[in-house]
Protein backbone atom coordinates (compact mmCIF):
# COMPACT_ATOMS: atom_id res chain seq x y z
CA MET A 1 83.38 94.98 86.41
CA GLY A 2 85.60 95.66 89.32
CA LYS A 3 88.89 97.18 89.33
CA VAL A 4 92.17 96.66 91.17
CA VAL A 5 95.08 98.87 91.99
CA ALA A 6 98.65 97.58 91.84
CA SER A 7 101.66 99.32 93.45
CA ILE A 8 104.88 98.49 91.76
CA LYS A 9 108.48 99.66 92.73
CA ILE A 10 110.72 100.04 89.88
CA LEU A 11 114.41 100.37 90.32
CA PRO A 12 116.51 101.83 87.59
CA SER A 13 119.42 99.95 86.12
CA GLU A 14 121.61 102.85 87.09
CA ALA A 15 121.77 105.54 89.64
CA GLU A 16 121.91 108.14 86.68
CA THR A 17 118.82 106.91 85.05
CA ASP A 18 116.25 109.62 84.43
CA LEU A 19 113.03 108.40 86.18
CA ASN A 20 111.05 110.95 83.99
CA SER A 21 111.99 108.90 80.79
CA ILE A 22 111.01 105.70 82.45
CA ARG A 23 107.45 107.48 83.32
CA GLU A 24 106.83 108.53 79.78
CA ALA A 25 107.91 105.21 78.24
CA LEU A 26 105.99 103.25 80.80
CA ALA A 27 102.56 104.82 79.58
CA SER A 28 102.96 103.73 76.09
CA LYS A 29 104.06 100.02 76.89
CA LEU A 30 101.13 99.03 79.28
CA PRO A 31 98.21 97.18 77.94
CA SER A 32 95.41 99.25 76.83
CA ASP A 33 93.13 98.18 79.68
CA VAL A 34 95.67 99.32 82.24
CA GLU A 35 95.96 102.96 83.38
CA VAL A 36 98.43 104.93 85.45
CA HIS A 37 96.80 106.22 88.65
CA ARG A 38 99.86 108.16 90.02
CA PHE A 39 103.76 107.89 90.30
CA GLU A 40 105.83 108.48 93.55
CA GLU A 41 109.57 108.52 94.01
CA GLU A 42 111.20 106.96 97.04
CA PRO A 43 114.94 107.40 97.97
CA ILE A 44 116.86 104.15 98.43
CA ALA A 45 120.63 105.10 99.07
CA PHE A 46 123.44 107.01 97.73
CA GLY A 47 121.30 109.07 95.61
CA LEU A 48 119.39 106.17 93.87
CA ARG A 49 115.70 106.76 93.82
CA ALA A 50 112.91 104.16 93.02
CA LEU A 51 109.85 104.95 91.09
CA ILE A 52 106.50 103.67 92.68
CA VAL A 53 103.69 103.48 89.97
CA HIS A 54 100.05 102.76 90.93
CA LEU A 55 98.06 101.32 88.34
CA ILE A 56 94.31 100.65 87.98
CA MET A 57 93.44 97.34 86.00
CA PRO A 58 90.40 95.17 85.49
CA GLU A 59 89.92 92.62 88.23
CA ASP A 60 88.33 89.77 86.03
CA LYS A 61 90.92 89.33 83.44
CA ALA A 62 93.36 86.68 83.88
CA GLY A 63 97.12 87.23 83.25
CA THR A 64 97.05 91.10 83.30
CA MET A 65 99.58 91.28 86.24
CA ASP A 66 101.98 89.25 84.14
CA GLU A 67 101.53 91.31 81.16
CA VAL A 68 102.11 94.54 83.10
CA GLU A 69 105.23 93.15 84.76
CA SER A 70 106.72 92.08 81.40
CA ALA A 71 105.82 95.49 79.75
CA ILE A 72 107.51 97.27 82.64
CA ARG A 73 110.73 95.12 82.24
CA LYS A 74 110.89 96.03 78.51
CA VAL A 75 111.39 99.89 79.42
CA GLU A 76 114.79 101.05 78.73
CA GLY A 77 116.46 102.02 82.11
CA VAL A 78 114.37 99.50 84.31
CA GLY A 79 116.55 97.28 86.46
CA GLU A 80 114.34 95.46 89.02
CA VAL A 81 110.45 95.33 89.37
CA GLU A 82 108.80 94.53 92.59
CA ILE A 83 105.07 94.14 93.10
CA LEU A 84 104.32 95.74 96.37
CA MET A 85 100.60 95.44 96.70
CA VAL A 86 97.45 94.40 94.75
CA ARG A 87 94.04 95.35 96.32
CA ARG A 88 90.45 96.27 95.18
CA PHE A 89 90.03 99.91 93.91
């Protein structure tokens, strides 16, 4: 079974939102067959930082990306979600 890595940009709902709390909550909300590879922070503007999460997931399961995006949107403090890249791992 192949794997893919997805890079997803998460913008907080407010500039004061703690990105560490989003990181912790995200791990518990993701589907069981999706794992966090790593996190990065990216400065946006005026002190606002985006969280970039790199996820590893199965290649052959349909609908996984929709489940992941839905799970991320349910995390408190998440404003916007943007899929940056999906490629084979």
